[in-house]
Amino acid sequence: MDLDSQKRAAAAGALEFVRAGMRLGLGTGSTARHFVELLGERVRGGLDVVAVPTSRATKADAERCGIPLSTLDETPELDLTVDGADEVAPDLSLIKGGGGALLGEKIVAGASARMIVIADASKCVEALGRFPLPVEVAPFGFEATRRAMQRALAGVQPPCPLTLRRNQDGHAFVTDGGHWIIDAAFGRIADARAVAQALATVPGVMEHGLFIGLAEMAIIAGPDGIRTFERP
């Protein structure tokens, strides 16, 4: 299977866990988009579900596919969220946010009884950090926040570049929530929990892309087929 076929195969594997009447969280990104499309096919065939999207992009995809949508205000408790990841560690801790939707993704995952992560095999790593960690920050006081991040991280990680994410036109990338993103190029994260705790102390940090203890299962598709992992 090529890479796109692997992503679709992982998404199809997650669809097996969807039941009629479920309240679903829909993730963001290229692999999650496959799940939305496959779910839409099931909905058009009569499957009765309601879904909460994690981003404007996913909302548009779900509407196009005919999936009934809700919000967390209307449906604050979800049965299952299916989402992709930029990196998946053996304990199912994740790095997410490459698409810029980490805040919505984490809120929806936290409101769900269960989270399944779907990915192609290239996303599996022994230790998180090869993919730069997205950190969503308020535009106000950006430079002060970036320096505070450097100080907070100094005790748990070697220094690394903290880079403002920009669009192709050179302007700052803006999230659905109106925030900016700093990409932290750690290379390798020795202690993901310590990094998460350090970032949580910084005023101006809205959220970070470390998803720890949220995913219960990973469905990973590779050239030789699908493997399923559950959190230890």
C-alpha atoms as a PDB file:
ATOM      1  CA  MET A   1       0.000   0.000   0.000  1.00  0.00           C
ATOM      2  CA  ASP A   2       1.153   3.527  -0.701  1.00  0.00           C
ATOM      3  CA  LEU A   3       1.067   6.100   2.111  1.00  0.00           C
ATOM      4  CA  ASP A   4      -2.412   7.392   1.350  1.00  0.00           C
ATOM      5  CA  SER A   5      -3.767   3.845   1.149  1.00  0.00           C
ATOM      6  CA  GLN A   6      -2.216   3.111   4.544  1.00  0.00           C
ATOM      7  CA  LYS A   7      -3.979   6.114   6.053  1.00  0.00           C
ATOM      8  CA  ARG A   8      -7.298   5.019   4.593  1.00  0.00           C
ATOM      9  CA  ALA A   9      -6.804   1.467   5.841  1.00  0.00           C
ATOM     10  CA  ALA A  10      -6.186   2.737   9.392  1.00  0.00           C
ATOM     11  CA  ALA A  11      -9.319   4.889   9.156  1.00  0.00           C
ATOM     12  CA  ALA A  12     -11.334   1.910   7.967  1.00  0.00           C
ATOM     13  CA  GLY A  13     -10.093  -0.073  10.960  1.00  0.00           C
ATOM     14  CA  ALA A  14     -11.387   2.578  13.350  1.00  0.00           C
ATOM     15  CA  LEU A  15     -14.780   2.585  11.646  1.00  0.00           C
ATOM     16  CA  GLU A  16     -15.297  -0.959  12.969  1.00  0.00           C
ATOM     17  CA  PHE A  17     -15.647   0.514  16.480  1.00  0.00           C
ATOM     18  CA  VAL A  18     -18.473   2.889  15.542  1.00  0.00           C
ATOM     19  CA  ARG A  19     -21.962   1.860  16.589  1.00  0.00           C
ATOM     20  CA  ALA A  20     -25.397   3.315  15.870  1.00  0.00           C
ATOM     21  CA  GLY A  21     -26.385   6.085  18.249  1.00  0.00           C
ATOM     22  CA  MET A  22     -22.813   7.068  19.069  1.00  0.00           C
ATOM     23  CA  ARG A  23     -21.668  10.614  19.719  1.00  0.00           C
ATOM     24  CA  LEU A  24     -18.359  10.954  17.895  1.00  0.00           C
ATOM     25  CA  GLY A  25     -15.420  13.357  17.923  1.00  0.00           C
ATOM     26  CA  LEU A  26     -13.928  13.907  14.474  1.00  0.00           C
ATOM     27  CA  GLY A  27     -10.214  14.694  14.320  1.00  0.00           C
ATOM     28  CA  THR A  28      -8.303  16.914  11.939  1.00  0.00           C
ATOM     29  CA  GLY A  29      -5.643  16.072   9.369  1.00  0.00           C
ATOM     30  CA  SER A  30      -5.096  13.883   6.323  1.00  0.00           C
ATOM     31  CA  THR A  31      -5.716  10.544   8.077  1.00  0.00           C
ATOM     32  CA  ALA A  32      -8.730  11.820  10.013  1.00  0.00           C
ATOM     33  CA  ARG A  33     -10.161  13.114   6.739  1.00  0.00           C
ATOM     34  CA  HIS A  34     -10.253   9.537   5.441  1.00  0.00           C
ATOM     35  CA  PHE A  35     -12.237   8.526   8.527  1.00  0.00           C
ATOM     36  CA  VAL A  36     -14.716  11.350   7.923  1.00  0.00           C
ATOM     37  CA  GLU A  37     -15.193  10.256   4.325  1.00  0.00           C
ATOM     38  CA  LEU A  38     -15.698   6.601   5.249  1.00  0.00           C
ATOM     39  CA  LEU A  39     -18.060   7.556   8.068  1.00  0.00           C
ATOM     40  CA  GLY A  40     -20.027   9.667   5.611  1.00  0.00           C
ATOM     41  CA  GLU A  41     -20.508   6.616   3.403  1.00  0.00           C
ATOM     42  CA  ARG A  42     -21.926   4.703   6.376  1.00  0.00           C
ATOM     43  CA  VAL A  43     -24.190   7.626   7.320  1.00  0.00           C
ATOM     44  CA  ARG A  44     -25.576   7.825   3.803  1.00  0.00           C
ATOM     45  CA  GLY A  45     -26.256   4.091   4.134  1.00  0.00           C
ATOM     46  CA  GLY A  46     -28.405   4.676   7.223  1.00  0.00           C
ATOM     47  CA  LEU A  47     -26.002   4.781  10.196  1.00  0.00           C
ATOM     48  CA  ASP A  48     -27.400   7.048  12.912  1.00  0.00           C
ATOM     49  CA  VAL A  49     -24.639   9.033  14.648  1.00  0.00           C
ATOM     50  CA  VAL A  50     -23.914  12.623  15.595  1.00  0.00           C
ATOM     51  CA  ALA A  51     -20.434  14.125  15.498  1.00  0.00           C
ATOM     52  CA  VAL A  52     -18.456  17.041  16.889  1.00  0.00           C
ATOM     53  CA  PRO A  53     -15.650  18.297  14.605  1.00  0.00           C
ATOM     54  CA  THR A  54     -12.345  19.515  16.039  1.00  0.00           C
ATOM     55  CA  SER A  55     -11.742  22.260  13.462  1.00  0.00           C
ATOM     56  CA  ARG A  56     -13.364  24.362  10.786  1.00  0.00           C
ATOM     57  CA  ALA A  57     -11.691  22.220   8.126  1.00  0.00           C
ATOM     58  CA  THR A  58     -13.140  19.017   9.573  1.00  0.00           C
ATOM     59  CA  LYS A  59     -16.557  20.665   9.951  1.00  0.00           C
ATOM     60  CA  ALA A  60     -16.515  21.506   6.244  1.00  0.00           C
ATOM     61  CA  ASP A  61     -15.477  17.949   5.321  1.00  0.00           C
ATOM     62  CA  ALA A  62     -18.175  16.424   7.541  1.00  0.00           C
ATOM     63  CA  GLU A  63     -20.879  18.690   6.128  1.00  0.00           C
ATOM     64  CA  ARG A  64     -19.819  17.756   2.616  1.00  0.00           C
ATOM     65  CA  CYS A  65     -20.097  14.072   3.565  1.00  0.00           C
ATOM     66  CA  GLY A  66     -23.571  14.514   5.085  1.00  0.00           C
ATOM     67  CA  ILE A  67     -22.641  13.706   8.688  1.00  0.00           C
ATOM     68  CA  PRO A  68     -25.010  15.195  11.309  1.00  0.00           C
ATOM     69  CA  LEU A  69     -23.034  17.624  13.456  1.00  0.00           C
ATOM     70  CA  SER A  70     -23.279  19.013  16.953  1.00  0.00           C
ATOM     71  CA  THR A  71     -21.103  21.083  19.287  1.00  0.00           C
ATOM     72  CA  LEU A  72     -19.665  20.355  22.715  1.00  0.00           C
ATOM     73  CA  ASP A  73     -22.099  22.877  24.166  1.00  0.00           C
ATOM     74  CA  GLU A  74     -25.001  20.831  22.797  1.00  0.00           C
ATOM     75  CA  THR A  75     -23.308  17.424  23.241  1.00  0.00           C
ATOM     76  CA  PRO A  76     -20.725  17.778  26.028  1.00  0.00           C
ATOM     77  CA  GLU A  77     -20.075  14.039  26.487  1.00  0.00           C
ATOM     78  CA  LEU A  78     -18.852  11.927  23.582  1.00  0.00           C
ATOM     79  CA  ASP A  79     -18.546   8.163  23.219  1.00  0.00           C
ATOM     80  CA  LEU A  80     -15.559   8.011  20.896  1.00  0.00           C
ATOM     81  CA  THR A  81     -13.063  10.316  19.210  1.00  0.00           C
ATOM     82  CA  VAL A  82     -11.057   9.157  16.206  1.00  0.00           C
ATOM     83  CA  ASP A  83      -8.081  11.303  15.280  1.00  0.00           C
ATOM     84  CA  GLY A  84      -4.680  11.120  13.647  1.00  0.00           C
ATOM     85  CA  ALA A  85      -1.277  12.003  15.080  1.00  0.00           C
ATOM     86  CA  ASP A  86       2.073  13.382  14.004  1.00  0.00           C
ATOM     87  CA  GLU A  87       3.900  10.930  16.277  1.00  0.00           C
ATOM     88  CA  VAL A  88       2.835   7.867  18.283  1.00  0.00           C
ATOM     89  CA  ALA A  89       5.045   6.501  21.072  1.00  0.00           C
ATOM     90  CA  PRO A  90       4.869   2.906  22.402  1.00  0.00           C
ATOM     91  CA  ASP A  91       2.810   4.019  25.435  1.00  0.00           C
ATOM     92  CA  LEU A  92       0.378   5.778  23.039  1.00  0.00           C
ATOM     93  CA  SER A  93       1.443   9.244  24.074  1.00  0.00           C
ATOM     94  CA  LEU A  94       1.200  11.476  21.025  1.00  0.00           C
ATOM     95  CA  ILE A  95       2.390  14.636  19.369  1.00  0.00           C
ATOM     96  CA  LYS A  96      -0.452  16.366  17.563  1.00  0.00           C
ATOM     97  CA  GLY A  97      -1.044  19.791  16.102  1.00  0.00           C
ATOM     98  CA  GLY A  98       0.814  19.708  12.816  1.00  0.00           C
ATOM     99  CA  GLY A  99      -2.398  20.923  11.220  1.00  0.00           C
ATOM    100  CA  GLY A 100      -2.833  23.626  13.831  1.00  0.00           C
ATOM    101  CA  ALA A 101      -5.976  22.229  15.474  1.00  0.00           C
ATOM    102  CA  LEU A 102      -4.423  20.940  18.714  1.00  0.00           C
ATOM    103  CA  LEU A 103      -6.606  22.989  21.079  1.00  0.00           C
ATOM    104  CA  GLY A 104      -9.885  21.768  19.604  1.00  0.00           C
ATOM    105  CA  GLU A 105      -8.516  18.253  19.264  1.00  0.00           C
ATOM    106  CA  LYS A 106      -7.513  18.070  22.923  1.00  0.00           C
ATOM    107  CA  ILE A 107     -10.800  19.533  24.183  1.00  0.00           C
ATOM    108  CA  VAL A 108     -12.800  17.017  22.136  1.00  0.00           C
ATOM    109  CA  ALA A 109     -10.570  14.098  23.152  1.00  0.00           C
ATOM    110  CA  GLY A 110     -10.934  15.086  26.798  1.00  0.00           C
ATOM    111  CA  ALA A 111     -14.722  15.078  26.457  1.00  0.00           C
ATOM    112  CA  SER A 112     -14.714  11.534  25.048  1.00  0.00           C
ATOM    113  CA  ALA A 113     -15.055   8.252  26.871  1.00  0.00           C
ATOM    114  CA  ARG A 114     -12.533   6.757  24.442  1.00  0.00           C
ATOM    115  CA  MET A 115      -9.989   7.959  21.888  1.00  0.00           C
ATOM    116  CA  ILE A 116      -8.637   5.895  19.011  1.00  0.00           C
ATOM    117  CA  VAL A 117      -5.649   7.243  17.114  1.00  0.00           C
ATOM    118  CA  ILE A 118      -5.177   6.248  13.479  1.00  0.00           C
ATOM    119  CA  ALA A 119      -1.914   6.622  11.587  1.00  0.00           C
ATOM    120  CA  ASP A 120       0.404   5.186   9.000  1.00  0.00           C
ATOM    121  CA  ALA A 121       3.481   3.328  10.220  1.00  0.00           C
ATOM    122  CA  SER A 122       5.817   6.276   9.599  1.00  0.00           C
ATOM    123  CA  LYS A 123       4.261   8.058  12.600  1.00  0.00           C
ATOM    124  CA  CYS A 124       5.459   5.425  15.098  1.00  0.00           C
ATOM    125  CA  VAL A 125       8.550   6.447  17.119  1.00  0.00           C
ATOM    126  CA  GLU A 126      10.437   5.064  20.088  1.00  0.00           C
ATOM    127  CA  ALA A 127      10.510   8.511  21.733  1.00  0.00           C
ATOM    128  CA  LEU A 128       8.524  11.637  20.907  1.00  0.00           C
ATOM    129  CA  GLY A 129      10.182  14.773  19.607  1.00  0.00           C
ATOM    130  CA  ARG A 130      11.439  14.163  16.102  1.00  0.00           C
ATOM    131  CA  PHE A 131       8.354  16.075  14.915  1.00  0.00           C
ATOM    132  CA  PRO A 132       8.498  19.622  16.342  1.00  0.00           C
ATOM    133  CA  LEU A 133       6.042  20.020  19.219  1.00  0.00           C
ATOM    134  CA  PRO A 134       3.315  22.583  18.439  1.00  0.00           C
ATOM    135  CA  VAL A 135       2.500  24.973  21.278  1.00  0.00           C
ATOM    136  CA  GLU A 136      -0.509  27.253  20.834  1.00  0.00           C
ATOM    137  CA  VAL A 137       0.065  30.709  22.319  1.00  0.00           C
ATOM    138  CA  ALA A 138      -1.732  34.041  22.586  1.00  0.00           C
ATOM    139  CA  PRO A 139      -0.470  36.658  20.115  1.00  0.00           C
ATOM    140  CA  PHE A 140      -0.454  39.239  22.927  1.00  0.00           C
ATOM    141  CA  GLY A 141       2.979  39.303  24.535  1.00  0.00           C
ATOM    142  CA  PHE A 142       4.328  36.715  22.116  1.00  0.00           C
ATOM    143  CA  GLU A 143       8.016  37.363  22.735  1.00  0.00           C
ATOM    144  CA  ALA A 144       7.537  37.395  26.512  1.00  0.00           C
ATOM    145  CA  THR A 145       5.723  34.068  26.253  1.00  0.00           C
ATOM    146  CA  ARG A 146       8.443  32.562  24.077  1.00  0.00           C
ATOM    147  CA  ARG A 147      11.137  33.561  26.561  1.00  0.00           C
ATOM    148  CA  ALA A 148       9.078  32.251  29.462  1.00  0.00           C
ATOM    149  CA  MET A 149       8.805  28.947  27.617  1.00  0.00           C
ATOM    150  CA  GLN A 150      12.587  28.827  27.274  1.00  0.00           C
ATOM    151  CA  ARG A 151      13.012  29.361  31.010  1.00  0.00           C
ATOM    152  CA  ALA A 152      10.336  26.819  31.963  1.00  0.00           C
ATOM    153  CA  LEU A 153      11.777  24.163  29.676  1.00  0.00           C
ATOM    154  CA  ALA A 154      15.389  24.716  30.752  1.00  0.00           C
ATOM    155  CA  GLY A 155      15.012  22.382  33.705  1.00  0.00           C
ATOM    156  CA  VAL A 156      13.584  19.473  31.719  1.00  0.00           C
ATOM    157  CA  GLN A 157      15.022  19.663  28.191  1.00  0.00           C
ATOM    158  CA  PRO A 158      18.191  20.851  26.455  1.00  0.00           C
ATOM    159  CA  PRO A 159      17.713  24.211  24.695  1.00  0.00           C
ATOM    160  CA  CYS A 160      16.028  23.979  21.309  1.00  0.00           C
ATOM    161  CA  PRO A 161      14.691  26.353  18.637  1.00  0.00           C
ATOM    162  CA  LEU A 162      11.260  27.791  19.438  1.00  0.00           C
ATOM    163  CA  THR A 163       9.986  28.996  16.076  1.00  0.00           C
ATOM    164  CA  LEU A 164       6.857  30.948  15.234  1.00  0.00           C
ATOM    165  CA  ARG A 165       4.904  29.024  12.616  1.00  0.00           C
ATOM    166  CA  ARG A 166       4.291  31.100   9.501  1.00  0.00           C
ATOM    167  CA  ASN A 167       2.184  30.766   6.373  1.00  0.00           C
ATOM    168  CA  GLN A 168       3.727  30.741   2.927  1.00  0.00           C
ATOM    169  CA  ASP A 169       3.149  34.499   2.721  1.00  0.00           C
ATOM    170  CA  GLY A 170       5.365  35.012   5.765  1.00  0.00           C
ATOM    171  CA  HIS A 171       2.579  36.017   8.134  1.00  0.00           C
ATOM    172  CA  ALA A 172       1.979  34.161  11.381  1.00  0.00           C
ATOM    173  CA  PHE A 173      -0.198  31.065  11.106  1.00  0.00           C
ATOM    174  CA  VAL A 174      -3.459  31.738  12.949  1.00  0.00           C
ATOM    175  CA  THR A 175      -5.437  28.926  14.563  1.00  0.00           C
ATOM    176  CA  ASP A 176      -9.224  28.603  14.604  1.00  0.00           C
ATOM    177  CA  GLY A 177      -9.100  30.179  18.064  1.00  0.00           C
ATOM    178  CA  GLY A 178      -7.172  33.212  16.830  1.00  0.00           C
ATOM    179  CA  HIS A 179      -3.875  32.120  18.413  1.00  0.00           C
ATOM    180  CA  TRP A 180      -0.363  31.587  17.070  1.00  0.00           C
ATOM    181  CA  ILE A 181       1.778  28.446  17.165  1.00  0.00           C
ATOM    182  CA  ILE A 182       5.353  27.998  18.339  1.00  0.00           C
ATOM    183  CA  ASP A 183       7.021  24.837  17.031  1.00  0.00           C
ATOM    184  CA  ALA A 184       9.545  23.460  19.532  1.00  0.00           C
ATOM    185  CA  ALA A 185      12.196  21.414  17.720  1.00  0.00           C
ATOM    186  CA  PHE A 186      13.301  19.169  20.570  1.00  0.00           C
ATOM    187  CA  GLY A 187      14.655  16.342  18.451  1.00  0.00           C
ATOM    188  CA  ARG A 188      13.919  13.952  21.306  1.00  0.00           C
ATOM    189  CA  ILE A 189      11.727  14.444  24.391  1.00  0.00           C
ATOM    190  CA  ALA A 190      13.230  12.654  27.364  1.00  0.00           C
ATOM    191  CA  ASP A 191      10.233  13.107  29.679  1.00  0.00           C
ATOM    192  CA  ALA A 192       6.978  14.072  27.960  1.00  0.00           C
ATOM    193  CA  ARG A 193       5.091  14.552  31.218  1.00  0.00           C
ATOM    194  CA  ALA A 194       7.745  16.928  32.553  1.00  0.00           C
ATOM    195  CA  VAL A 195       7.641  18.968  29.342  1.00  0.00           C
ATOM    196  CA  ALA A 196       3.831  19.111  29.493  1.00  0.00           C
ATOM    197  CA  GLN A 197       3.910  20.253  33.112  1.00  0.00           C
ATOM    198  CA  ALA A 198       6.544  22.906  32.364  1.00  0.00           C
ATOM    199  CA  LEU A 199       4.556  24.356  29.469  1.00  0.00           C
ATOM    200  CA  ALA A 200       1.387  24.434  31.569  1.00  0.00           C
ATOM    201  CA  THR A 201       3.029  26.928  33.944  1.00  0.00           C
ATOM    202  CA  VAL A 202       3.670  29.556  31.254  1.00  0.00           C
ATOM    203  CA  PRO A 203       1.154  32.431  30.987  1.00  0.00           C
ATOM    204  CA  GLY A 204       0.198  32.883  27.352  1.00  0.00           C
ATOM    205  CA  VAL A 205       0.418  29.182  26.496  1.00  0.00           C
ATOM    206  CA  MET A 206      -3.081  28.120  25.479  1.00  0.00           C
ATOM    207  CA  GLU A 207      -2.281  24.431  24.890  1.00  0.00           C
ATOM    208  CA  HIS A 208       0.472  22.117  23.695  1.00  0.00           C
ATOM    209  CA  GLY A 209       0.476  19.152  21.351  1.00  0.00           C
ATOM    210  CA  LEU A 210       1.478  16.476  23.863  1.00  0.00           C
ATOM    211  CA  PHE A 211      -1.473  14.103  24.243  1.00  0.00           C
ATOM    212  CA  ILE A 212      -0.651  11.930  27.236  1.00  0.00           C
ATOM    213  CA  GLY A 213      -3.043   9.338  28.624  1.00  0.00           C
ATOM    214  CA  LEU A 214      -5.797  10.184  26.135  1.00  0.00           C
ATOM    215  CA  ALA A 215      -5.508   7.572  23.382  1.00  0.00           C
ATOM    216  CA  GLU A 216      -6.613   4.098  24.459  1.00  0.00           C
ATOM    217  CA  MET A 217      -5.933   2.401  21.143  1.00  0.00           C
ATOM    218  CA  ALA A 218      -3.802   2.981  18.063  1.00  0.00           C
ATOM    219  CA  ILE A 219      -4.607   1.509  14.684  1.00  0.00           C
ATOM    220  CA  ILE A 220      -1.431   1.628  12.599  1.00  0.00           C
ATOM    221  CA  ALA A 221      -1.370   0.721   8.910  1.00  0.00           C
ATOM    222  CA  GLY A 222       1.852  -0.183   7.141  1.00  0.00           C
ATOM    223  CA  PRO A 223       2.906  -1.791   3.851  1.00  0.00           C
ATOM    224  CA  ASP A 224       2.192  -5.241   5.307  1.00  0.00           C
ATOM    225  CA  GLY A 225      -1.209  -4.492   6.809  1.00  0.00           C
ATOM    226  CA  ILE A 226      -2.776  -3.192  10.019  1.00  0.00           C
ATOM    227  CA  ARG A 227      -1.559  -3.519  13.611  1.00  0.00           C
ATOM    228  CA  THR A 228      -3.597  -2.555  16.656  1.00  0.00           C
ATOM    229  CA  PHE A 229      -2.077  -1.439  19.961  1.00  0.00           C
ATOM    230  CA  GLU A 230      -3.758  -0.708  23.272  1.00  0.00           C
ATOM    231  CA  ARG A 231      -2.331   1.553  25.945  1.00  0.00           C
ATOM    232  CA  PRO A 232      -0.381  -0.421  28.553  1.00  0.00           C
END
